[in-house]
Protein backbone atom coordinates (compact mmCIF):
# COMPACT_ATOMS: atom_id res chain seq x y z
CA MET A 1 13.35 -21.14 3.57
CA THR A 2 15.08 -19.43 0.04
CA PRO A 3 11.97 -17.34 -1.15
CA ASP A 4 11.20 -17.75 -4.77
CA VAL A 5 9.20 -14.34 -4.20
CA ILE A 6 9.74 -11.52 -1.60
CA VAL A 7 6.57 -9.52 -1.41
CA ILE A 8 7.15 -5.93 -0.08
CA GLY A 9 3.87 -4.86 2.31
CA GLY A 10 1.69 -6.76 4.35
CA GLY A 11 -1.65 -5.45 3.91
CA LEU A 12 -4.80 -6.92 2.22
CA HIS A 13 -3.07 -6.78 -1.18
CA GLY A 14 0.27 -8.08 -0.10
CA CYS A 15 -1.57 -11.18 1.96
CA ALA A 16 -3.96 -11.62 -1.20
CA ALA A 17 -0.50 -11.95 -3.19
CA ALA A 18 1.28 -14.11 -0.93
CA MET A 19 -1.86 -16.49 -0.57
CA ASN A 20 -2.42 -16.91 -4.46
CA LEU A 21 1.50 -17.56 -4.91
CA SER A 22 1.51 -19.88 -2.15
CA ALA A 23 -1.53 -21.57 -3.57
CA ARG A 24 0.55 -21.97 -6.96
CA GLN A 25 3.69 -23.66 -5.06
CA CYS A 26 5.61 -20.27 -4.80
CA ARG A 27 7.72 -20.16 -1.86
CA VAL A 28 6.90 -16.42 -0.54
CA LEU A 29 8.35 -14.43 2.10
CA VAL A 30 6.37 -11.22 3.11
CA LEU A 31 8.30 -8.22 4.78
CA GLU A 32 6.25 -5.83 6.49
CA ARG A 33 7.54 -2.53 7.82
CA SER A 34 5.26 -2.31 10.71
CA ALA A 35 2.53 -4.99 11.44
CA VAL A 36 -0.03 -6.71 9.12
CA ALA A 37 -2.77 -4.63 8.56
CA ARG A 38 -1.59 -1.68 10.36
CA HIS A 39 -2.59 1.03 7.82
CA ALA A 40 -5.45 1.31 5.32
CA SER A 41 -5.98 -2.33 5.17
CA GLY A 42 -7.16 -2.56 8.78
CA ALA A 43 -8.53 0.73 8.89
CA SER A 44 -11.11 1.01 5.88
CA ALA A 45 -14.60 0.87 5.74
CA GLY A 46 -14.59 -2.47 4.23
CA GLY A 47 -16.97 -1.83 1.60
CA VAL A 48 -17.39 -4.82 -1.01
CA ARG A 49 -18.59 -2.59 -3.77
CA THR A 50 -19.04 -2.67 -7.60
CA LEU A 51 -21.30 0.25 -7.32
CA ASN A 52 -20.21 3.41 -8.96
CA ARG A 53 -16.66 1.77 -9.89
CA ASP A 54 -14.60 3.77 -12.46
CA LEU A 55 -15.43 2.50 -15.74
CA ALA A 56 -11.99 1.14 -15.90
CA GLU A 57 -12.15 -0.64 -12.56
CA VAL A 58 -15.59 -2.33 -13.50
CA PRO A 59 -14.40 -5.56 -15.36
CA LEU A 60 -11.62 -6.31 -12.30
CA SER A 61 -14.37 -5.26 -9.73
CA LEU A 62 -16.98 -7.93 -11.09
CA ILE A 63 -14.41 -10.88 -11.29
CA ALA A 64 -13.72 -10.09 -7.64
CA ALA A 65 -17.16 -9.91 -6.82
CA ARG A 66 -17.63 -13.75 -7.69
CA MET A 67 -14.69 -14.29 -5.53
CA TRP A 68 -16.38 -12.84 -2.72
CA ASP A 69 -19.36 -14.73 -2.94
CA ASP A 70 -17.15 -17.64 -2.11
CA ILE A 71 -14.76 -16.15 0.00
CA GLU A 72 -14.75 -18.70 3.02
CA SER A 73 -13.77 -21.34 0.53
CA LEU A 74 -11.12 -19.05 -0.52
CA VAL A 75 -9.24 -18.07 2.45
CA ASP A 76 -11.34 -20.72 5.21
CA ASP A 77 -12.80 -17.59 6.67
CA ASP A 78 -16.24 -15.76 6.07
CA CYS A 79 -14.48 -12.54 6.64
CA ASP A 80 -17.69 -11.22 8.21
CA TYR A 81 -18.59 -10.68 4.83
CA HIS A 82 -22.66 -9.97 4.18
CA ALA A 83 -24.01 -9.14 0.82
CA HIS A 84 -27.02 -6.88 1.93
CA GLY A 85 -26.27 -4.42 -1.10
CA GLN A 86 -24.91 -1.01 -1.41
CA LEU A 87 -27.05 2.32 -2.10
CA ARG A 88 -25.89 5.66 -3.56
CA VAL A 89 -28.33 7.90 -2.82
CA ALA A 90 -29.94 10.86 -4.54
CA GLU A 91 -31.23 14.14 -2.56
CA THR A 92 -32.99 15.67 -5.46
CA GLU A 93 -34.37 14.97 -8.81
CA VAL A 94 -31.18 16.26 -10.36
CA GLU A 95 -29.17 13.94 -8.50
CA LEU A 96 -31.41 10.97 -9.23
CA ALA A 97 -31.28 11.97 -13.03
CA SER A 98 -27.41 11.80 -12.97
CA LEU A 99 -27.89 8.18 -11.44
CA GLU A 100 -30.36 7.32 -14.38
CA ALA A 101 -27.73 8.44 -16.81
CA ARG A 102 -25.05 6.42 -14.75
CA ARG A 103 -27.08 3.28 -15.31
CA GLN A 104 -27.84 3.81 -18.89
CA GLN A 105 -24.00 4.33 -19.65
CA MET A 106 -23.48 1.05 -17.83
CA LEU A 107 -26.15 -0.57 -20.01
CA ALA A 108 -24.73 0.68 -23.01
CA LEU A 109 -21.24 -0.96 -22.21
CA GLY A 110 -23.14 -4.36 -21.58
CA TYR A 111 -23.39 -3.97 -17.63
CA SER A 112 -26.43 -4.30 -15.96
CA HIS A 113 -25.72 -4.89 -12.25
CA GLU A 114 -26.51 -1.39 -11.15
CA VAL A 115 -30.28 -0.19 -10.93
CA VAL A 116 -32.29 2.93 -10.06
CA ILE A 117 -34.93 2.32 -7.41
CA ASP A 118 -37.23 5.01 -6.82
CA GLN A 119 -38.28 6.72 -3.41
CA ALA A 120 -40.76 3.82 -2.09
CA GLU A 121 -38.26 1.34 -2.85
CA LEU A 122 -35.47 2.97 -1.11
CA ARG A 123 -37.54 3.36 1.99
CA ARG A 124 -38.47 -0.03 1.87
CA ARG A 125 -34.66 -0.85 1.78
CA ALA A 126 -33.66 2.16 4.42
CA PRO A 127 -37.06 3.03 6.40
CA THR A 128 -35.35 5.70 8.45
CA ILE A 129 -33.43 7.29 5.68
CA GLY A 130 -34.43 11.30 5.34
CA PRO A 131 -37.59 12.56 3.59
CA GLN A 132 -35.55 14.33 1.12
CA CYS A 133 -34.11 11.19 -0.40
CA VAL A 134 -35.82 10.48 -3.71
CA GLY A 135 -34.18 7.49 -5.09
CA ALA A 136 -31.00 5.52 -5.31
CA LEU A 137 -28.42 4.09 -7.31
CA MET A 138 -28.30 0.28 -6.18
CA VAL A 139 -25.96 -2.93 -6.59
CA GLU A 140 -28.14 -5.64 -4.67
CA THR A 141 -25.38 -8.02 -4.45
CA ASP A 142 -22.80 -5.76 -2.81
CA GLY A 143 -21.98 -5.51 0.72
CA ALA A 144 -19.40 -5.13 3.27
CA ALA A 145 -16.59 -7.12 5.37
CA ASP A 146 -14.54 -6.83 8.31
CA PRO A 147 -11.28 -5.42 6.89
CA TYR A 148 -8.75 -6.47 9.58
CA ARG A 149 -10.38 -9.73 10.03
CA THR A 150 -10.18 -9.97 6.05
CA THR A 151 -6.53 -9.08 5.66
CA HIS A 152 -5.60 -11.63 8.40
CA ALA A 153 -7.56 -14.28 6.88
CA PHE A 154 -5.69 -14.07 3.75
CA ARG A 155 -2.57 -13.91 5.66
CA ARG A 156 -3.45 -17.02 7.64
CA LYS A 157 -4.39 -18.88 4.60
CA ALA A 158 -0.80 -17.87 2.97
CA GLU A 159 0.94 -19.09 6.03
CA ARG A 160 -0.89 -22.79 6.16
CA LEU A 161 0.24 -22.97 2.48
CA GLY A 162 3.80 -22.13 3.27
CA ALA A 163 4.19 -18.07 2.82
CA GLN A 164 6.47 -16.64 5.93
CA PHE A 165 5.58 -12.99 7.12
CA ILE A 166 8.46 -11.08 9.13
CA GLU A 167 6.89 -8.04 10.41
CA GLY A 168 8.53 -4.98 11.86
CA ALA A 169 10.90 -5.45 8.57
CA CYS A 170 11.32 -2.22 6.73
CA VAL A 171 12.79 -2.40 3.21
CA THR A 172 15.78 0.22 2.95
CA ALA A 173 17.60 -0.84 -0.23
CA LEU A 174 17.31 -2.90 -3.39
CA SER A 175 19.58 -4.32 -5.57
CA ARG A 176 19.91 -6.89 -8.21
CA GLN A 177 22.68 -9.11 -8.79
CA GLY A 178 22.43 -11.13 -11.83
CA THR A 179 19.13 -12.67 -11.70
CA VAL A 180 18.33 -12.53 -8.08
CA TRP A 181 17.14 -9.28 -6.38
CA GLN A 182 18.76 -8.37 -2.95
CA VAL A 183 16.50 -6.80 -0.22
CA THR A 184 17.87 -5.09 2.73
CA THR A 185 16.17 -4.27 6.07
CA PRO A 186 17.74 -2.93 9.30
CA ALA A 187 18.15 -6.50 10.49
CA ALA A 188 19.00 -8.45 7.68
CA ARG A 189 19.21 -9.00 3.95
CA TYR A 190 17.00 -11.54 1.74
CA GLU A 191 17.09 -12.40 -1.67
CA ALA A 192 14.56 -13.77 -4.25
CA PRO A 193 14.65 -13.57 -8.17
CA THR A 194 11.16 -11.66 -7.77
CA ILE A 195 9.76 -8.91 -5.96
CA VAL A 196 6.12 -7.70 -5.56
CA ASN A 197 5.76 -4.14 -4.15
CA CYS A 198 2.40 -4.03 -2.17
CA ALA A 199 3.84 -1.03 0.14
CA GLY A 200 1.00 0.87 0.32
CA ALA A 201 1.74 4.65 1.15
CA TRP A 202 5.37 3.86 0.95
CA SER A 203 4.91 2.14 -2.61
CA ASP A 204 6.54 5.12 -4.65
CA GLU A 205 9.52 4.69 -2.29
CA ILE A 206 9.92 1.15 -2.93
CA ALA A 207 9.56 1.76 -6.77
CA ALA A 208 12.29 4.67 -6.54
CA MET A 209 14.79 2.26 -5.34
CA ILE A 210 14.83 0.19 -8.77
CA GLY A 211 14.15 3.35 -10.87
CA ASP A 212 10.38 3.31 -11.25
CA ARG A 213 8.72 6.81 -10.84
CA ALA A 214 5.26 6.62 -9.27
CA PRO A 215 3.17 9.67 -8.69
CA LEU A 216 1.63 9.45 -5.33
CA GLN A 217 0.22 11.50 -2.60
CA THR A 218 -0.34 10.24 0.74
CA ARG A 219 -4.00 10.14 2.10
CA CYS A 220 -5.64 9.00 5.25
CA SER A 221 -9.36 8.69 4.95
CA MET A 222 -10.97 9.06 8.63
CA MET A 223 -13.52 6.81 10.10
CA MET A 224 -15.95 6.91 13.03
CA VAL A 225 -17.85 4.27 14.94
CA SER A 226 -20.92 5.02 17.03
CA GLU A 227 -22.25 3.24 19.98
CA ARG A 228 -24.55 0.39 19.58
CA VAL A 229 -28.07 0.98 18.51
CA ALA A 230 -31.04 -1.01 17.78
CA PRO A 231 -30.79 -2.44 13.93
CA PHE A 232 -32.16 -0.16 11.48
CA LEU A 233 -30.32 -0.82 8.33
CA GLY A 234 -29.10 -3.74 5.93
CA PRO A 235 -27.35 -2.08 2.95
CA VAL A 236 -24.16 0.10 2.77
CA VAL A 237 -25.36 3.81 2.19
CA SER A 238 -23.28 6.40 0.35
CA ALA A 239 -24.75 9.59 -1.54
CA VAL A 240 -24.26 11.52 -4.68
CA ASN A 241 -23.13 14.99 -3.25
CA ARG A 242 -21.78 13.89 0.19
CA LYS A 243 -18.47 12.47 1.60
CA LEU A 244 -20.51 9.44 2.97
CA SER A 245 -20.08 5.81 3.54
CA PHE A 246 -22.59 4.49 6.19
CA LYS A 247 -23.20 0.94 7.34
CA GLN A 248 -24.54 -0.79 10.66
CA THR A 249 -22.90 -4.10 11.83
CA ASP A 250 -24.08 -6.99 13.34
CA ASP A 251 -23.73 -5.88 16.83
CA GLY A 252 -25.70 -2.72 16.18
CA THR A 253 -22.53 -0.23 15.82
CA VAL A 254 -22.65 2.32 12.78
CA VAL A 255 -19.59 2.88 10.71
CA ILE A 256 -19.24 6.31 9.08
CA GLY A 257 -16.56 7.03 6.36
CA GLY A 258 -16.80 8.67 3.09
CA GLY A 259 -13.55 10.07 2.24
CA HIS A 260 -12.98 12.99 4.42
CA GLN A 261 -9.41 13.12 4.98
CA GLY A 262 -6.87 13.53 8.27
CA ARG A 263 -3.68 14.96 8.25
CA PRO A 264 -1.15 12.01 7.13
CA ASP A 265 2.71 11.85 8.52
CA ARG A 266 4.22 9.45 6.26
CA ALA A 267 7.63 9.66 8.03
CA HIS A 268 6.48 8.79 11.32
CA GLU A 269 3.60 6.51 10.18
CA SER A 270 1.05 8.55 12.17
CA TYR A 271 -1.62 10.89 11.12
CA GLN A 272 -4.04 13.69 13.02
CA LEU A 273 -7.70 13.53 12.87
CA ASP A 274 -9.44 16.55 11.43
CA GLY A 275 -12.17 17.86 13.74
CA ARG A 276 -13.87 20.13 11.42
CA ARG A 277 -14.09 17.24 8.64
CA LEU A 278 -15.29 14.92 11.10
CA GLY A 279 -17.82 17.37 12.12
CA GLU A 280 -18.78 17.59 8.13
CA SER A 281 -19.06 13.44 8.33
CA ALA A 282 -21.42 13.90 11.43
CA THR A 283 -23.52 16.42 9.67
CA ALA A 284 -23.85 14.38 6.42
CA VAL A 285 -24.94 11.20 8.84
CA ALA A 286 -27.55 13.68 10.31
CA ALA A 287 -28.87 14.67 6.87
CA ILE A 288 -29.50 11.39 5.32
CA PHE A 289 -30.43 9.37 8.65
CA PRO A 290 -31.88 12.07 10.86
CA THR A 291 -32.56 9.35 13.63
CA MET A 292 -28.63 9.33 14.29
CA ARG A 293 -28.76 12.70 15.58
CA ARG A 294 -28.83 11.65 19.17
CA VAL A 295 -26.58 8.97 18.70
CA ARG A 296 -22.91 8.93 20.41
CA ILE A 297 -19.91 8.54 18.58
CA VAL A 298 -17.12 6.36 20.66
CA ARG A 299 -14.28 6.25 18.42
CA ALA A 300 -12.41 7.70 15.29
CA TRP A 301 -9.25 6.59 13.56
CA ALA A 302 -7.69 6.70 9.87
CA GLY A 303 -4.94 4.93 8.08
CA LEU A 304 -2.18 5.95 5.87
CA GLU A 305 -2.51 4.92 1.99
CA ALA A 306 -1.48 5.94 -1.34
CA GLN A 307 -3.35 7.95 -4.03
CA THR A 308 -2.55 8.21 -7.60
CA PRO A 309 -3.10 11.38 -9.70
CA ASP A 310 -6.22 9.57 -11.55
CA HIS A 311 -7.39 7.80 -8.70
CA LEU A 312 -6.72 4.36 -10.29
CA PRO A 313 -4.28 1.72 -8.87
CA ILE A 314 -0.93 0.81 -10.49
CA ILE A 315 -0.62 -2.95 -11.14
CA GLY A 316 1.52 -4.92 -13.39
CA PRO A 317 5.26 -5.30 -14.03
CA SER A 318 7.75 -2.80 -13.43
CA PRO A 319 8.24 -0.85 -16.83
CA SER A 320 12.11 -0.95 -16.28
CA ALA A 321 13.26 -3.87 -14.11
CA PRO A 322 12.92 -7.46 -14.81
CA GLY A 323 11.31 -9.75 -12.15
CA PHE A 324 9.59 -6.88 -9.96
CA PHE A 325 5.99 -6.29 -9.95
CA HIS A 326 3.82 -3.43 -8.48
CA ALA A 327 0.08 -3.38 -6.86
CA PHE A 328 -0.61 -0.06 -5.05
CA GLY A 329 -2.22 3.26 -5.31
CA PHE A 330 -5.65 2.05 -4.85
CA SER A 331 -6.58 5.59 -3.64
CA GLY A 332 -9.45 4.60 -0.96
CA HIS A 333 -11.19 1.89 -2.65
CA GLY A 334 -8.89 -0.97 -2.96
CA PHE A 335 -10.44 -3.62 -0.56
CA GLN A 336 -13.05 -5.41 -2.81
CA PRO A 337 -10.83 -5.94 -5.52
CA ALA A 338 -8.12 -7.28 -3.70
CA PRO A 339 -8.81 -11.13 -4.22
CA ALA A 340 -8.82 -10.51 -8.04
CA VAL A 341 -5.74 -8.44 -7.99
CA GLY A 342 -3.90 -10.89 -5.81
CA ARG A 343 -4.52 -13.64 -8.55
CA ALA A 344 -3.57 -11.25 -11.26
CA LEU A 345 -0.39 -10.96 -9.24
CA ALA A 346 0.22 -14.81 -9.27
CA ASP A 347 -0.64 -15.08 -12.77
CA LEU A 348 2.10 -12.41 -13.95
CA VAL A 349 4.83 -13.73 -11.55
CA ILE A 350 4.14 -17.59 -12.69
CA ASP A 351 2.91 -17.40 -16.18
CA GLY A 352 4.25 -14.09 -17.24
CA GLY A 353 1.04 -12.62 -17.80
CA THR A 354 -2.65 -12.65 -17.05
CA GLN A 355 -6.07 -12.75 -18.50
CA MET A 356 -7.27 -10.45 -15.64
CA PRO A 357 -8.37 -7.08 -17.00
CA ILE A 358 -5.28 -4.89 -15.69
CA ALA A 359 -4.31 -3.03 -18.49
CA PRO A 360 -5.38 0.36 -17.51
CA PHE A 361 -3.49 0.13 -14.33
CA ALA A 362 -0.20 0.08 -15.91
CA LEU A 363 2.29 2.19 -14.28
CA ASP A 364 3.82 3.61 -17.58
CA ARG A 365 0.34 5.32 -18.13
CA PHE A 366 1.87 8.44 -16.26
CA ALA A 367 5.01 8.43 -18.19
CA THR A 368 3.19 8.51 -21.44
CA SER A 369 0.94 11.37 -20.13
CA GLY A 370 3.65 13.44 -18.69
CA LYS A 371 2.67 13.12 -15.10
CA ALA A 372 5.50 11.25 -13.90
CA ALA A 373 6.66 12.53 -10.61
């Protein structure tokens, strides 16, 4: 196959781009440096969250939410998606007032999906929550899915539509000959008129090969999972002033995240867990859910990902090179919008533009603000 598009990166956004492009009759080749879903896409909390999004992300996130509601039709897999809601918990009246202020801000902008619930309603939805919790901001239609399963569901659908994936294909050089990009890996050279950069933690290196400067840091959010316990929680829970993401799976295990960072080693595609910060996660869990104090943690992990200075993604065409598009830098919250981002990328490649609300995510926002690396 001679591809029309080469997608660099086999994470969720690369797979979503490949699926959407293939659905529109593009011949797509995906080059993945390691293995599909190897890093952040397979290691995230899997939150399907419109709750408390940055205002710039809300329009795109709401579009993605409608796509998640029909995810099985989209990728022929339900991705273990459950819309049991998400709660952002307040432990003080001051925190609750901040949540009400957020709700009023959203209403003023025309968004009504976030609501504030009082302590009684919070206890109805999360009966074992700590007695200090006085209320929450809630999106009832949010939820969670299995990140590894979801990434591979997009991959399998892309393959059924004709896409090809090559794992262990680290891109070492890019050059343009006329209207064709040449992509070099240690094993082979590939050509296509269009490139989509979804390389995650390594996206700035790919961008630099064509002269685009992307200010990124590498992060690795740590996750933990508990032993199986009796069902006690439906919604995903976060907290106003704690780094916490907390959910119970169908098999009874509890998945705990929230943004505590390990020590990434991008050069070796590895990381070290930080025991002190994992302890902080455990403390937060015990404070919000006292019943968890005697529950054993059985495993902890992390995955490398890219973080931008403003914690917003970079999505759109290269400002300096034709036929080149970026989607990276999701900074720990890129799982939910992925279906919409994949569709936006297909629009950009095929139509030369998109109706998707991605204007806030242009790469050149850093150049104009003087923040380029």
